[in-house]
Amino acid sequence: GLGADDYMTKPFSPSELVARVKAHLARY
């Protein structure tokens, strides 16, 4: 609601974080 594009709950795999980073940068 404050404007975040995504929310990840720990623990998560670093590779998943990288995948989401790539997806959001590509979308922007």
PDB file of all heavy atoms in Angstrom:
ATOM      1  N   GLY A   1       0.806  -1.212   0.000  1.00  0.00           N
ATOM      2  CA  GLY A   1       0.000   0.000   0.000  1.00  0.00           C
ATOM      3  C   GLY A   1       0.839   1.262   0.000  1.00  0.00           C
ATOM      4  O   GLY A   1       0.408   2.305  -0.502  1.00  0.00           O
ATOM      5  N   LEU A   2       2.043   1.180   0.540  1.00  0.00           N
ATOM      6  CA  LEU A   2       2.946   2.336   0.555  1.00  0.00           C
ATOM      7  C   LEU A   2       3.691   2.492  -0.768  1.00  0.00           C
ATOM      8  O   LEU A   2       4.431   3.458  -0.950  1.00  0.00           O
ATOM      9  CB  LEU A   2       3.959   2.200   1.699  1.00  0.00           C
ATOM     10  CG  LEU A   2       3.404   2.420   3.105  1.00  0.00           C
ATOM     11  CD1 LEU A   2       4.454   2.048   4.148  1.00  0.00           C
ATOM     12  CD2 LEU A   2       2.961   3.862   3.291  1.00  0.00           C
ATOM     13  N   GLY A   3       3.509   1.516  -1.665  1.00  0.00           N
ATOM     14  CA  GLY A   3       4.120   1.651  -2.982  1.00  0.00           C
ATOM     15  C   GLY A   3       5.186   0.640  -3.306  1.00  0.00           C
ATOM     16  O   GLY A   3       5.833   0.733  -4.361  1.00  0.00           O
ATOM     17  N   ALA A   4       5.430  -0.345  -2.421  1.00  0.00           N
ATOM     18  CA  ALA A   4       6.401  -1.391  -2.748  1.00  0.00           C
ATOM     19  C   ALA A   4       5.894  -2.201  -3.934  1.00  0.00           C
ATOM     20  O   ALA A   4       4.698  -2.412  -4.103  1.00  0.00           O
ATOM     21  CB  ALA A   4       6.625  -2.301  -1.542  1.00  0.00           C
ATOM     22  N   ASP A   5       6.818  -2.663  -4.768  1.00  0.00           N
ATOM     23  CA  ASP A   5       6.451  -3.455  -5.936  1.00  0.00           C
ATOM     24  C   ASP A   5       6.359  -4.947  -5.623  1.00  0.00           C
ATOM     25  O   ASP A   5       5.691  -5.691  -6.343  1.00  0.00           O
ATOM     26  CB  ASP A   5       7.489  -3.249  -7.050  1.00  0.00           C
ATOM     27  CG  ASP A   5       7.512  -1.814  -7.543  1.00  0.00           C
ATOM     28  OD1 ASP A   5       6.753  -1.499  -8.462  1.00  0.00           O
ATOM     29  OD2 ASP A   5       8.286  -1.012  -6.991  1.00  0.00           O
ATOM     30  N   ASP A   6       7.015  -5.364  -4.548  1.00  0.00           N
ATOM     31  CA  ASP A   6       7.043  -6.786  -4.229  1.00  0.00           C
ATOM     32  C   ASP A   6       7.342  -6.945  -2.744  1.00  0.00           C
ATOM     33  O   ASP A   6       7.857  -6.027  -2.091  1.00  0.00           O
ATOM     34  CB  ASP A   6       8.122  -7.484  -5.061  1.00  0.00           C
ATOM     35  CG  ASP A   6       7.853  -8.967  -5.283  1.00  0.00           C
ATOM     36  OD1 ASP A   6       6.965  -9.514  -4.586  1.00  0.00           O
ATOM     37  OD2 ASP A   6       8.512  -9.565  -6.138  1.00  0.00           O
ATOM     38  N   TYR A   7       6.999  -8.128  -2.207  1.00  0.00           N
ATOM     39  CA  TYR A   7       7.213  -8.416  -0.784  1.00  0.00           C
ATOM     40  C   TYR A   7       7.667  -9.869  -0.686  1.00  0.00           C
ATOM     41  O   TYR A   7       6.957 -10.775  -1.134  1.00  0.00           O
ATOM     42  CB  TYR A   7       5.915  -8.199  -0.007  1.00  0.00           C
ATOM     43  CG  TYR A   7       6.028  -8.313   1.507  1.00  0.00           C
ATOM     44  CD1 TYR A   7       6.051  -7.179   2.303  1.00  0.00           C
ATOM     45  CD2 TYR A   7       6.102  -9.555   2.133  1.00  0.00           C
ATOM     46  CE1 TYR A   7       6.124  -7.263   3.690  1.00  0.00           C
ATOM     47  CE2 TYR A   7       6.182  -9.659   3.512  1.00  0.00           C
ATOM     48  CZ  TYR A   7       6.196  -8.509   4.293  1.00  0.00           C
ATOM     49  OH  TYR A   7       6.277  -8.609   5.654  1.00  0.00           O
ATOM     50  N   MET A   8       8.863 -10.078  -0.126  1.00  0.00           N
ATOM     51  CA  MET A   8       9.409 -11.434   0.010  1.00  0.00           C
ATOM     52  C   MET A   8       9.575 -11.763   1.486  1.00  0.00           C
ATOM     53  O   MET A   8      10.066 -10.944   2.269  1.00  0.00           O
ATOM     54  CB  MET A   8      10.752 -11.545  -0.715  1.00  0.00           C
ATOM     55  CG  MET A   8      10.672 -11.274  -2.207  1.00  0.00           C
ATOM     56  SD  MET A   8      12.270 -11.459  -3.047  1.00  0.00           S
ATOM     57  CE  MET A   8      12.526 -13.245  -2.888  1.00  0.00           C
ATOM     58  N   THR A   9       9.152 -12.952   1.848  1.00  0.00           N
ATOM     59  CA  THR A   9       9.243 -13.391   3.239  1.00  0.00           C
ATOM     60  C   THR A   9      10.477 -14.260   3.446  1.00  0.00           C
ATOM     61  O   THR A   9      10.709 -15.219   2.702  1.00  0.00           O
ATOM     62  CB  THR A   9       7.982 -14.191   3.631  1.00  0.00           C
ATOM     63  OG1 THR A   9       6.820 -13.391   3.398  1.00  0.00           O
ATOM     64  CG2 THR A   9       8.030 -14.579   5.099  1.00  0.00           C
ATOM     65  N   LYS A  10      11.285 -13.906   4.439  1.00  0.00           N
ATOM     66  CA  LYS A  10      12.463 -14.708   4.784  1.00  0.00           C
ATOM     67  C   LYS A  10      12.030 -16.014   5.436  1.00  0.00           C
ATOM     68  O   LYS A  10      11.036 -16.031   6.173  1.00  0.00           O
ATOM     69  CB  LYS A  10      13.364 -13.930   5.758  1.00  0.00           C
ATOM     70  CG  LYS A  10      13.933 -12.630   5.209  1.00  0.00           C
ATOM     71  CD  LYS A  10      14.748 -11.940   6.307  1.00  0.00           C
ATOM     72  CE  LYS A  10      15.283 -10.602   5.862  1.00  0.00           C
ATOM     73  NZ  LYS A  10      16.023  -9.912   6.935  1.00  0.00           N
ATOM     74  N   PRO A  11      12.776 -17.099   5.246  1.00  0.00           N
ATOM     75  CA  PRO A  11      13.942 -17.182   4.354  1.00  0.00           C
ATOM     76  C   PRO A  11      13.529 -17.407   2.902  1.00  0.00           C
ATOM     77  O   PRO A  11      12.494 -18.020   2.639  1.00  0.00           O
ATOM     78  CB  PRO A  11      14.686 -18.397   4.905  1.00  0.00           C
ATOM     79  CG  PRO A  11      13.607 -19.277   5.445  1.00  0.00           C
ATOM     80  CD  PRO A  11      12.550 -18.350   5.990  1.00  0.00           C
ATOM     81  N   PHE A  12      14.323 -16.902   1.981  1.00  0.00           N
ATOM     82  CA  PHE A  12      14.088 -17.144   0.561  1.00  0.00           C
ATOM     83  C   PHE A  12      15.447 -17.410  -0.087  1.00  0.00           C
ATOM     84  O   PHE A  12      16.499 -17.053   0.452  1.00  0.00           O
ATOM     85  CB  PHE A  12      13.398 -15.956  -0.105  1.00  0.00           C
ATOM     86  CG  PHE A  12      14.068 -14.630   0.157  1.00  0.00           C
ATOM     87  CD1 PHE A  12      15.204 -14.248  -0.531  1.00  0.00           C
ATOM     88  CD2 PHE A  12      13.567 -13.768   1.118  1.00  0.00           C
ATOM     89  CE1 PHE A  12      15.831 -13.033  -0.287  1.00  0.00           C
ATOM     90  CE2 PHE A  12      14.174 -12.548   1.377  1.00  0.00           C
ATOM     91  CZ  PHE A  12      15.316 -12.184   0.673  1.00  0.00           C
ATOM     92  N   SER A  13      15.415 -18.036  -1.236  1.00  0.00           N
ATOM     93  CA  SER A  13      16.667 -18.345  -1.910  1.00  0.00           C
ATOM     94  C   SER A  13      17.198 -17.102  -2.615  1.00  0.00           C
ATOM     95  O   SER A  13      16.424 -16.326  -3.192  1.00  0.00           O
ATOM     96  CB  SER A  13      16.467 -19.470  -2.932  1.00  0.00           C
ATOM     97  OG  SER A  13      15.713 -19.014  -4.032  1.00  0.00           O
ATOM     98  N   PRO A  14      18.507 -16.881  -2.577  1.00  0.00           N
ATOM     99  CA  PRO A  14      19.083 -15.726  -3.276  1.00  0.00           C
ATOM    100  C   PRO A  14      18.776 -15.735  -4.772  1.00  0.00           C
ATOM    101  O   PRO A  14      18.607 -14.679  -5.378  1.00  0.00           O
ATOM    102  CB  PRO A  14      20.586 -15.882  -3.022  1.00  0.00           C
ATOM    103  CG  PRO A  14      20.675 -16.679  -1.757  1.00  0.00           C
ATOM    104  CD  PRO A  14      19.521 -17.631  -1.816  1.00  0.00           C
ATOM    105  N   SER A  15      18.675 -16.935  -5.349  1.00  0.00           N
ATOM    106  CA  SER A  15      18.377 -17.013  -6.787  1.00  0.00           C
ATOM    107  C   SER A  15      16.964 -16.500  -7.084  1.00  0.00           C
ATOM    108  O   SER A  15      16.716 -15.907  -8.140  1.00  0.00           O
ATOM    109  CB  SER A  15      18.532 -18.449  -7.286  1.00  0.00           C
ATOM    110  OG  SER A  15      17.701 -19.332  -6.558  1.00  0.00           O
ATOM    111  N   GLU A  16      16.033 -16.730  -6.138  1.00  0.00           N
ATOM    112  CA  GLU A  16      14.679 -16.195  -6.319  1.00  0.00           C
ATOM    113  C   GLU A  16      14.709 -14.672  -6.261  1.00  0.00           C
ATOM    114  O   GLU A  16      14.023 -13.989  -7.039  1.00  0.00           O
ATOM    115  CB  GLU A  16      13.727 -16.727  -5.247  1.00  0.00           C
ATOM    116  CG  GLU A  16      12.301 -16.197  -5.411  1.00  0.00           C
ATOM    117  CD  GLU A  16      11.371 -16.591  -4.275  1.00  0.00           C
ATOM    118  OE1 GLU A  16      11.813 -17.323  -3.363  1.00  0.00           O
ATOM    119  OE2 GLU A  16      10.209 -16.145  -4.297  1.00  0.00           O
ATOM    120  N   LEU A  17      15.506 -14.116  -5.347  1.00  0.00           N
ATOM    121  CA  LEU A  17      15.634 -12.661  -5.258  1.00  0.00           C
ATOM    122  C   LEU A  17      16.170 -12.097  -6.569  1.00  0.00           C
ATOM    123  O   LEU A  17      15.647 -11.096  -7.088  1.00  0.00           O
ATOM    124  CB  LEU A  17      16.561 -12.279  -4.104  1.00  0.00           C
ATOM    125  CG  LEU A  17      16.858 -10.775  -3.965  1.00  0.00           C
ATOM    126  CD1 LEU A  17      15.595 -10.004  -3.610  1.00  0.00           C
ATOM    127  CD2 LEU A  17      17.943 -10.533  -2.915  1.00  0.00           C
ATOM    128  N   VAL A  18      17.206 -12.731  -7.112  1.00  0.00           N
ATOM    129  CA  VAL A  18      17.778 -12.275  -8.381  1.00  0.00           C
ATOM    130  C   VAL A  18      16.732 -12.308  -9.489  1.00  0.00           C
ATOM    131  O   VAL A  18      16.618 -11.371 -10.289  1.00  0.00           O
ATOM    132  CB  VAL A  18      19.009 -13.130  -8.769  1.00  0.00           C
ATOM    133  CG1 VAL A  18      19.468 -12.781 -10.184  1.00  0.00           C
ATOM    134  CG2 VAL A  18      20.142 -12.918  -7.778  1.00  0.00           C
ATOM    135  N   ALA A  19      15.933 -13.367  -9.525  1.00  0.00           N
ATOM    136  CA  ALA A  19      14.905 -13.495 -10.551  1.00  0.00           C
ATOM    137  C   ALA A  19      13.881 -12.369 -10.435  1.00  0.00           C
ATOM    138  O   ALA A  19      13.446 -11.793 -11.446  1.00  0.00           O
ATOM    139  CB  ALA A  19      14.216 -14.851 -10.435  1.00  0.00           C
ATOM    140  N   ARG A  20      13.493 -12.040  -9.213  1.00  0.00           N
ATOM    141  CA  ARG A  20      12.510 -10.966  -9.030  1.00  0.00           C
ATOM    142  C   ARG A  20      13.106  -9.600  -9.365  1.00  0.00           C
ATOM    143  O   ARG A  20      12.425  -8.742  -9.930  1.00  0.00           O
ATOM    144  CB  ARG A  20      11.971 -10.981  -7.599  1.00  0.00           C
ATOM    145  CG  ARG A  20      11.202 -12.253  -7.264  1.00  0.00           C
ATOM    146  CD  ARG A  20      10.275 -12.034  -6.104  1.00  0.00           C
ATOM    147  NE  ARG A  20       9.703 -13.272  -5.610  1.00  0.00           N
ATOM    148  CZ  ARG A  20       8.717 -13.341  -4.723  1.00  0.00           C
ATOM    149  NH1 ARG A  20       8.179 -12.232  -4.238  1.00  0.00           N
ATOM    150  NH2 ARG A  20       8.250 -14.507  -4.299  1.00  0.00           N
ATOM    151  N   VAL A  21      14.366  -9.412  -9.013  1.00  0.00           N
ATOM    152  CA  VAL A  21      15.045  -8.163  -9.366  1.00  0.00           C
ATOM    153  C   VAL A  21      15.044  -7.982 -10.883  1.00  0.00           C
ATOM    154  O   VAL A  21      14.696  -6.917 -11.403  1.00  0.00           O
ATOM    155  CB  VAL A  21      16.490  -8.148  -8.825  1.00  0.00           C
ATOM    156  CG1 VAL A  21      17.306  -7.037  -9.492  1.00  0.00           C
ATOM    157  CG2 VAL A  21      16.491  -7.961  -7.311  1.00  0.00           C
ATOM    158  N   LYS A  22      15.418  -9.035 -11.608  1.00  0.00           N
ATOM    159  CA  LYS A  22      15.438  -8.962 -13.075  1.00  0.00           C
ATOM    160  C   LYS A  22      14.050  -8.654 -13.631  1.00  0.00           C
ATOM    161  O   LYS A  22      13.903  -7.831 -14.550  1.00  0.00           O
ATOM    162  CB  LYS A  22      15.946 -10.289 -13.660  1.00  0.00           C
ATOM    163  CG  LYS A  22      17.427 -10.540 -13.447  1.00  0.00           C
ATOM    164  CD  LYS A  22      17.848 -11.872 -14.057  1.00  0.00           C
ATOM    165  CE  LYS A  22      19.337 -12.106 -13.895  1.00  0.00           C
ATOM    166  NZ  LYS A  22      19.767 -13.422 -14.445  1.00  0.00           N
ATOM    167  N   ALA A  23      13.031  -9.283 -13.065  1.00  0.00           N
ATOM    168  CA  ALA A  23      11.669  -9.091 -13.554  1.00  0.00           C
ATOM    169  C   ALA A  23      11.198  -7.655 -13.337  1.00  0.00           C
ATOM    170  O   ALA A  23      10.596  -7.044 -14.227  1.00  0.00           O
ATOM    171  CB  ALA A  23      10.724 -10.065 -12.862  1.00  0.00           C
ATOM    172  N   HIS A  24      11.475  -7.095 -12.164  1.00  0.00           N
ATOM    173  CA  HIS A  24      11.016  -5.727 -11.881  1.00  0.00           C
ATOM    174  C   HIS A  24      11.787  -4.691 -12.689  1.00  0.00           C
ATOM    175  O   HIS A  24      11.201  -3.711 -13.171  1.00  0.00           O
ATOM    176  CB  HIS A  24      11.123  -5.440 -10.384  1.00  0.00           C
ATOM    177  CG  HIS A  24      10.079  -6.134  -9.564  1.00  0.00           C
ATOM    178  ND1 HIS A  24       8.745  -5.862  -9.674  1.00  0.00           N
ATOM    179  CD2 HIS A  24      10.179  -7.121  -8.628  1.00  0.00           C
ATOM    180  CE1 HIS A  24       8.057  -6.638  -8.838  1.00  0.00           C
ATOM    181  NE2 HIS A  24       8.910  -7.408  -8.203  1.00  0.00           N
ATOM    182  N   LEU A  25      13.087  -4.888 -12.862  1.00  0.00           N
ATOM    183  CA  LEU A  25      13.860  -3.955 -13.683  1.00  0.00           C
ATOM    184  C   LEU A  25      13.378  -3.990 -15.132  1.00  0.00           C
ATOM    185  O   LEU A  25      13.254  -2.946 -15.782  1.00  0.00           O
ATOM    186  CB  LEU A  25      15.352  -4.287 -13.604  1.00  0.00           C
ATOM    187  CG  LEU A  25      16.051  -3.926 -12.291  1.00  0.00           C
ATOM    188  CD1 LEU A  25      17.470  -4.470 -12.284  1.00  0.00           C
ATOM    189  CD2 LEU A  25      16.063  -2.414 -12.083  1.00  0.00           C
ATOM    190  N   ALA A  26      13.085  -5.191 -15.622  1.00  0.00           N
ATOM    191  CA  ALA A  26      12.596  -5.325 -17.002  1.00  0.00           C
ATOM    192  C   ALA A  26      11.234  -4.656 -17.160  1.00  0.00           C
ATOM    193  O   ALA A  26      10.959  -4.003 -18.173  1.00  0.00           O
ATOM    194  CB  ALA A  26      12.513  -6.798 -17.388  1.00  0.00           C
ATOM    195  N   ARG A  27      10.378  -4.811 -16.148  1.00  0.00           N
ATOM    196  CA  ARG A  27       9.041  -4.210 -16.218  1.00  0.00           C
ATOM    197  C   ARG A  27       9.128  -2.690 -16.237  1.00  0.00           C
ATOM    198  O   ARG A  27       8.451  -2.026 -17.023  1.00  0.00           O
ATOM    199  CB  ARG A  27       8.187  -4.663 -15.035  1.00  0.00           C
ATOM    200  CG  ARG A  27       6.759  -4.129 -15.067  1.00  0.00           C
ATOM    201  CD  ARG A  27       5.906  -4.789 -14.000  1.00  0.00           C
ATOM    202  NE  ARG A  27       6.341  -4.432 -12.665  1.00  0.00           N
ATOM    203  CZ  ARG A  27       5.936  -3.335 -12.021  1.00  0.00           C
ATOM    204  NH1 ARG A  27       5.101  -2.494 -12.612  1.00  0.00           N
ATOM    205  NH2 ARG A  27       6.350  -3.070 -10.804  1.00  0.00           N
ATOM    206  N   TYR A  28       9.982  -2.125 -15.389  1.00  0.00           N
ATOM    207  CA  TYR A  28      10.135  -0.672 -15.367  1.00  0.00           C
ATOM    208  C   TYR A  28      10.726  -0.167 -16.686  1.00  0.00           C
ATOM    209  O   TYR A  28      10.331   0.885 -17.191  1.00  0.00           O
ATOM    210  CB  TYR A  28      11.010  -0.250 -14.186  1.00  0.00           C
ATOM    211  CG  TYR A  28      10.217   0.104 -12.947  1.00  0.00           C
ATOM    212  CD1 TYR A  28       9.488  -0.877 -12.270  1.00  0.00           C
ATOM    213  CD2 TYR A  28      10.179   1.392 -12.451  1.00  0.00           C
ATOM    214  CE1 TYR A  28       8.755  -0.572 -11.137  1.00  0.00           C
ATOM    215  CE2 TYR A  28       9.448   1.714 -11.313  1.00  0.00           C
ATOM    216  CZ  TYR A  28       8.742   0.726 -10.664  1.00  0.00           C
ATOM    217  OH  TYR A  28       8.009   1.037  -9.545  1.00  0.00           O
TER     218      TYR A  28
END
